[in-house]
Every structure is written in structure tokens, then in C-alpha cells.
N, C-alpha and C. Protein backbone atom coordinates (compact mmCIF):
# COMPACT_ATOMS: atom_id res chain seq x y z
N UNK A 1 29.16 0.42 9.65
CA UNK A 1 29.82 -0.35 9.10
C UNK A 1 30.01 -0.51 8.20
N UNK A 2 28.52 -0.87 7.41
CA UNK A 2 28.84 -0.11 6.02
C UNK A 2 29.41 0.52 5.01
N UNK A 3 28.58 1.55 6.32
CA UNK A 3 28.75 3.10 5.62
C UNK A 3 30.39 2.85 5.25
N UNK A 4 31.27 2.69 6.45
CA UNK A 4 32.67 2.58 6.38
C UNK A 4 33.08 1.53 5.55
N UNK A 5 32.83 0.65 5.42
CA UNK A 5 33.09 0.10 4.47
C UNK A 5 32.96 0.60 2.91
N UNK A 6 31.91 0.71 2.61
CA UNK A 6 31.60 0.89 1.19
C UNK A 6 32.28 2.49 0.89
N UNK A 7 32.75 3.40 2.24
CA UNK A 7 33.63 4.75 1.81
C UNK A 7 35.67 4.19 1.23
N UNK A 8 35.63 2.71 2.38
CA UNK A 8 37.40 2.22 1.70
C UNK A 8 36.78 1.95 0.17
N UNK A 9 36.09 1.19 0.11
CA UNK A 9 35.71 0.77 -1.26
C UNK A 9 35.40 2.10 -2.38
N UNK A 10 35.49 2.97 -2.24
CA UNK A 10 35.81 4.60 -3.11
C UNK A 10 33.68 4.47 -3.37
N UNK A 11 33.13 4.95 -2.98
CA UNK A 11 31.33 4.95 -2.99
C UNK A 11 32.16 5.99 -2.41
N UNK A 12 30.90 6.69 -3.20
CA UNK A 12 30.26 8.43 -2.26
C UNK A 12 29.40 7.88 -1.82
N UNK A 13 28.55 9.17 -0.33
CA UNK A 13 27.66 9.23 -0.71
C UNK A 13 26.13 8.23 -0.58
N UNK A 14 25.97 9.36 -2.28
CA UNK A 14 25.20 8.75 -2.77
C UNK A 14 25.00 8.00 -3.11
N UNK A 15 25.91 7.12 -3.79
CA UNK A 15 26.20 5.72 -3.76
C UNK A 15 25.99 4.48 -2.59
N UNK A 16 26.87 5.26 -1.71
CA UNK A 16 26.18 4.48 -0.11
C UNK A 16 25.16 3.89 -0.46
N UNK A 17 24.33 4.70 0.02
CA UNK A 17 22.95 5.06 -0.46
C UNK A 17 22.49 4.10 -1.16
N UNK A 18 22.57 4.59 -2.39
CA UNK A 18 21.53 4.12 -3.16
C UNK A 18 21.96 2.83 -3.69
N UNK A 19 22.98 1.35 -3.33
CA UNK A 19 23.60 0.99 -3.27
C UNK A 19 23.62 -0.24 -2.15
N UNK A 20 23.94 0.55 -1.50
CA UNK A 20 23.59 -0.73 -0.23
C UNK A 20 22.62 -0.58 0.53
N UNK A 21 22.54 0.98 0.94
CA UNK A 21 21.15 1.36 2.40
C UNK A 21 20.07 0.84 1.74
N UNK A 22 20.08 1.62 0.41
CA UNK A 22 18.52 1.31 -0.31
C UNK A 22 17.84 -0.25 -0.10
N UNK A 23 18.30 -0.84 -0.89
CA UNK A 23 18.64 -2.48 -1.74
C UNK A 23 18.33 -3.08 -0.12
N UNK A 24 18.80 -2.49 0.97
CA UNK A 24 18.91 -3.25 2.06
C UNK A 24 17.25 -3.16 3.04
N UNK A 25 16.86 -1.58 2.55
CA UNK A 25 15.69 -1.30 3.27
C UNK A 25 14.85 -1.67 2.55
N UNK A 26 14.71 -1.51 1.43
CA UNK A 26 13.14 -2.08 0.61
C UNK A 26 12.54 -3.21 1.06
N UNK A 27 12.86 -4.24 1.70
CA UNK A 27 11.41 -4.82 2.18
C UNK A 27 10.41 -4.04 2.89
N UNK A 28 11.42 -2.89 4.16
CA UNK A 28 10.72 -2.07 5.08
C UNK A 28 10.39 -1.50 4.62
N UNK A 29 10.39 -0.64 3.32
CA UNK A 29 9.86 0.26 2.50
C UNK A 29 8.33 0.11 2.52
N UNK A 30 8.67 -1.01 1.56
CA UNK A 30 7.38 -1.79 0.93
C UNK A 30 6.03 -1.99 2.27
N UNK A 31 7.03 -2.82 3.32
CA UNK A 31 5.60 -3.14 4.07
C UNK A 31 4.89 -1.73 4.18
N UNK A 32 5.63 -0.73 5.06
CA UNK A 32 5.25 0.77 5.04
C UNK A 32 4.31 1.29 4.24
N UNK A 33 4.96 0.97 2.91
CA UNK A 33 3.89 2.07 1.69
C UNK A 33 2.90 1.19 1.38
N UNK A 34 2.63 -0.71 1.47
CA UNK A 34 1.27 -0.88 1.78
C UNK A 34 0.15 -0.99 2.50
N UNK A 35 1.28 -1.08 3.45
CA UNK A 35 0.24 -1.23 5.57
C UNK A 35 -0.33 0.50 5.51
N UNK A 36 0.30 1.65 4.36
CA UNK A 36 -0.28 2.79 4.34
C UNK A 36 -1.32 2.83 3.59
N UNK A 37 -1.71 2.03 2.26
CA UNK A 37 -2.02 2.33 1.32
C UNK A 37 -3.02 1.64 1.93
N UNK A 38 -3.17 0.41 2.51
CA UNK A 38 -4.32 -0.07 2.95
C UNK A 38 -5.53 0.36 4.00
N UNK A 39 -4.05 0.98 4.60
CA UNK A 39 -5.19 1.70 6.49
C UNK A 39 -6.34 2.89 5.72
N UNK A 40 -5.43 3.58 4.76
CA UNK A 40 -6.03 4.55 4.63
C UNK A 40 -6.82 4.43 2.79
N UNK A 41 -6.90 3.32 1.88
CA UNK A 41 -7.84 3.16 1.61
C UNK A 41 -9.34 2.26 1.53
N UNK A 42 -8.71 1.99 3.44
CA UNK A 42 -10.47 1.51 3.69
C UNK A 42 -11.40 1.97 4.69
N UNK A 43 -10.39 2.79 4.86
CA UNK A 43 -10.98 4.51 6.04
C UNK A 43 -12.10 5.10 5.77
N UNK A 44 -13.27 4.12 5.75
CA UNK A 44 -14.74 4.70 6.51
C UNK A 44 -14.55 5.89 6.57
N UNK A 45 -14.22 5.72 7.87
CA UNK A 45 -15.26 7.16 9.35
C UNK A 45 -14.61 8.23 8.83
N UNK A 46 -13.80 8.38 8.09
CA UNK A 46 -13.11 9.62 8.11
C UNK A 46 -13.64 10.28 6.80
N UNK A 47 -13.87 9.23 6.06
CA UNK A 47 -13.99 9.59 4.19
C UNK A 47 -15.16 10.38 4.09
N UNK A 48 -16.25 9.50 5.30
CA UNK A 48 -18.05 9.64 5.15
C UNK A 48 -17.75 10.82 5.70
N UNK A 49 -17.27 11.20 6.74
CA UNK A 49 -17.33 13.07 7.24
C UNK A 49 -16.57 14.26 6.81
N UNK A 50 -15.49 13.79 6.31
CA UNK A 50 -14.58 15.09 5.03
C UNK A 50 -14.88 15.06 3.72
N UNK A 51 -15.89 14.27 3.19
CA UNK A 51 -16.65 14.22 1.47
C UNK A 51 -17.40 14.76 1.65
N UNK A 52 -17.59 15.86 1.57
CA UNK A 52 -19.16 16.65 1.55
C UNK A 52 -19.80 16.41 0.00
N UNK A 53 -19.43 16.38 -0.69
CA UNK A 53 -19.92 15.76 -1.90
C UNK A 53 -19.90 14.68 -2.37
N UNK A 54 -20.88 14.34 -3.26
CA UNK A 54 -20.89 13.10 -3.33
C UNK A 54 -19.71 13.01 -4.84
N UNK A 55 -19.16 13.68 -5.98
CA UNK A 55 -18.00 14.04 -6.58
C UNK A 55 -17.10 13.85 -6.45
N UNK A 56 -16.49 13.94 -5.05
CA UNK A 56 -15.30 13.81 -4.22
C UNK A 56 -15.24 12.95 -2.78
N UNK A 57 -16.26 12.16 -3.10
CA UNK A 57 -16.95 11.00 -1.83
C UNK A 57 -15.73 9.02 -2.58
N UNK A 58 -14.55 8.59 -2.10
CA UNK A 58 -14.29 7.52 -2.45
C UNK A 58 -15.40 5.90 -2.62
N UNK A 59 -14.11 5.71 -3.18
CA UNK A 59 -16.01 4.41 -3.60
C UNK A 59 -16.43 3.95 -2.64
N UNK A 60 -15.32 3.39 -0.70
CA UNK A 60 -15.73 1.81 -0.13
C UNK A 60 -17.04 3.82 0.59
N UNK A 61 -17.45 4.86 -0.03
CA UNK A 61 -18.17 5.62 0.54
C UNK A 61 -19.47 5.47 0.06
N UNK A 62 -18.99 5.54 -1.64
CA UNK A 62 -20.06 5.24 -2.38
C UNK A 62 -20.66 4.52 -2.99
N UNK A 63 -20.29 3.82 -1.92
CA UNK A 63 -21.46 1.63 -2.23
C UNK A 63 -22.08 2.30 -1.04
N UNK A 64 -21.42 2.76 -0.12
CA UNK A 64 -23.46 3.11 0.87
C UNK A 64 -24.41 4.17 0.40
N UNK A 65 -23.93 4.40 -1.44
CA UNK A 65 -25.05 5.39 -2.09
C UNK A 65 -25.87 4.73 -2.33
N UNK A 66 -25.40 3.31 -2.73
CA UNK A 66 -25.90 3.10 -3.50
C UNK A 66 -27.40 2.17 -2.57
N UNK A 67 -26.65 1.90 -1.55
CA UNK A 67 -28.06 0.37 -1.26
C UNK A 67 -29.60 2.34 -0.99
N UNK A 68 -30.40 1.70 -1.57
CA UNK A 68 -31.45 2.17 -1.18
C UNK A 68 -33.39 1.09 -1.36
N UNK A 69 -34.10 1.20 -1.42
CA UNK A 69 -35.44 -0.06 -1.67
C UNK A 69 -35.47 -0.46 -2.09
N UNK A 70 -34.82 -0.51 -3.91
CA UNK A 70 -35.12 -1.15 -5.10
C UNK A 70 -32.76 -1.56 -5.29
N UNK A 71 -32.46 -2.48 -4.81
CA UNK A 71 -31.32 -2.73 -5.18
C UNK A 71 -31.24 -3.38 -6.89
N UNK A 72 -30.45 -2.75 -6.94
CA UNK A 72 -29.71 -2.92 -8.56
C UNK A 72 -28.81 -3.60 -8.81
N UNK A 73 -28.75 -5.13 -8.51
CA UNK A 73 -27.18 -5.59 -7.99
C UNK A 73 -26.04 -5.25 -8.83
N UNK A 74 -26.79 -5.72 -10.33
CA UNK A 74 -25.69 -4.97 -10.86
C UNK A 74 -24.26 -4.22 -10.53
N UNK A 75 -25.25 -2.91 -10.41
CA UNK A 75 -24.46 -1.75 -10.15
C UNK A 75 -23.38 -2.62 -9.55
N UNK A 76 -23.97 -2.94 -7.44
CA UNK A 76 -23.33 -2.26 -6.77
C UNK A 76 -22.73 -2.98 -6.73
N UNK A 77 -23.00 -4.64 -7.77
CA UNK A 77 -21.03 -5.64 -7.88
C UNK A 77 -19.95 -4.87 -8.80
N UNK A 78 -20.40 -4.43 -9.58
CA UNK A 78 -19.86 -3.85 -11.00
C UNK A 78 -18.44 -2.52 -10.05
N UNK A 79 -19.57 -1.35 -8.88
CA UNK A 79 -18.76 -0.93 -7.96
C UNK A 79 -17.71 -2.14 -7.24
N UNK A 80 -18.54 -2.48 -6.34
CA UNK A 80 -17.66 -3.94 -5.45
C UNK A 80 -16.06 -4.42 -6.19
N UNK A 81 -16.13 -4.98 -6.84
CA UNK A 81 -15.28 -5.30 -8.22
C UNK A 81 -14.89 -4.40 -8.35
N UNK A 82 -14.69 -2.73 -8.93
CA UNK A 82 -13.57 -2.01 -9.52
C UNK A 82 -13.38 -1.28 -8.03
N UNK A 83 -13.75 -1.62 -6.68
CA UNK A 83 -13.21 -1.47 -5.30
C UNK A 83 -11.97 -1.70 -4.91
N UNK A 84 -12.83 -3.48 -5.25
CA UNK A 84 -11.14 -4.06 -4.91
C UNK A 84 -10.41 -4.75 -5.54
N UNK A 85 -10.23 -4.11 -7.23
CA UNK A 85 -9.49 -4.07 -8.30
C UNK A 85 -7.74 -3.16 -7.14
N UNK A 86 -7.89 -2.01 -6.92
CA UNK A 86 -6.63 -1.19 -6.24
C UNK A 86 -5.52 -2.54 -5.81
N UNK A 87 -6.64 -2.89 -4.44
CA UNK A 87 -5.95 -3.25 -3.02
C UNK A 87 -4.98 -4.65 -4.36
N UNK A 88 -6.26 -5.12 -4.50
CA UNK A 88 -5.44 -6.39 -5.27
C UNK A 88 -4.35 -6.77 -5.97
N UNK A 89 -3.76 -5.70 -6.93
CA UNK A 89 -3.43 -4.90 -6.89
C UNK A 89 -2.13 -4.36 -7.54
N UNK A 90 -2.25 -4.29 -5.89
CA UNK A 90 -1.36 -3.59 -5.35
C UNK A 90 -0.20 -5.13 -4.40
N UNK A 91 -1.28 -6.30 -3.74
CA UNK A 91 -0.36 -7.01 -3.37
C UNK A 91 -0.10 -8.22 -4.68
N UNK A 92 -0.51 -7.92 -5.64
CA UNK A 92 -0.08 -8.69 -6.89
C UNK A 92 1.50 -8.56 -7.16
N UNK A 93 1.46 -6.96 -7.17
CA UNK A 93 2.70 -6.32 -7.41
C UNK A 93 3.68 -6.56 -6.18
N UNK A 94 3.38 -6.44 -4.50
CA UNK A 94 4.75 -6.62 -3.98
C UNK A 94 4.60 -8.07 -2.69
N UNK A 95 3.69 -8.77 -3.83
CA UNK A 95 3.57 -10.50 -3.24
C UNK A 95 5.04 -10.99 -2.45
N UNK A 96 6.03 -10.63 -3.13
CA UNK A 96 7.14 -11.18 -2.63
C UNK A 96 7.63 -10.28 -2.00
N UNK A 97 7.64 -9.00 -1.72
CA UNK A 97 8.55 -8.00 -1.24
C UNK A 97 7.82 -8.30 0.35
N UNK A 98 6.58 -8.31 0.06
CA UNK A 98 5.28 -8.42 1.50
C UNK A 98 6.17 -9.71 1.83
N UNK A 99 6.11 -10.86 1.98
CA UNK A 99 6.62 -11.35 2.33
C UNK A 99 7.94 -11.97 2.81
N UNK A 100 8.75 -11.52 2.65
CA UNK A 100 10.34 -11.72 2.97
C UNK A 100 10.26 -10.81 3.82
N UNK A 101 9.73 -9.12 3.30
CA UNK A 101 9.41 -8.46 4.38
C UNK A 101 8.91 -8.42 6.00
N UNK A 102 8.09 -9.73 6.18
CA UNK A 102 8.02 -10.04 7.07
C UNK A 102 8.63 -11.00 8.46
N UNK A 103 8.76 -12.04 7.61
CA UNK A 103 10.43 -13.52 7.36
C UNK A 103 11.05 -12.17 7.84
N UNK A 104 11.61 -11.50 7.86
CA UNK A 104 12.82 -11.61 7.31
C UNK A 104 13.58 -10.97 8.82
N UNK A 105 12.58 -10.33 10.04
CA UNK A 105 13.28 -10.57 11.07
C UNK A 105 13.03 -11.95 11.92
N UNK A 106 12.66 -12.88 11.58
CA UNK A 106 12.28 -13.98 12.13
C UNK A 106 13.40 -15.09 11.90
N UNK A 107 14.09 -15.53 10.90
CA UNK A 107 14.32 -16.24 9.59
C UNK A 107 16.57 -16.03 10.77
N UNK A 108 16.73 -16.68 11.81
CA UNK A 108 18.20 -16.63 12.20
C UNK A 108 18.99 -17.46 11.01
N UNK A 109 20.48 -16.91 10.93
CA UNK A 109 20.99 -17.71 10.70
C UNK A 109 21.75 -17.17 9.12
């Protein structure tokens, strides 16, 4: 229905997708992106089994390597802080879109 209206108004296929369809799907795309980012970022088991060298291990796996008999709490706190920054940044950037996308189907009217 929207595509037909856009065609009647003189929009090309690219303009229809860029100006009508993409803005309508924007909240859903943000939800998919953020949930995909969080699932990959927090995946510990696969990272632990696939990363064979210390140089390619993600932060979540490297944090477990910091455990030893004598804990260096400063290094551990710095590493945890560095591992938290990307998810918090992603959430802060897309916060409004996330909330809109989650409640979009729940509100009628």
C-alpha cells in the first residue's frame, strides 16, 4: 500500500525504500543490531574454545587469564572497565531507538 502510494507520487524504487521503508524499519533494525552485538560480545564459551593464542582472545576470555594466586586488583579493575565501555556506548547511542522499537507494537492507536 505504501509502495503504491509512493509510486503514484512519483518516487522511484530506491526513493521508496530510502525515504519510506527504511525509516519505518529503523527501530527494528536497531533492535537486531544491538541484540546481535550483545550476544556476540558476551559469548564466552565459543571465544574460549576458538581463540588459541593470547593475542586474539577477546576481553571476556582474557579477564579469566588475569586470575592468579596473587590478584592485581588494579589491572583487573582496568580490564573490566575497558570491557564495559563498548556495550554502554552502544546502549547510550541507541537508547531512544531501543525503547521505541520495543514498545512500538504494544501501543495501539
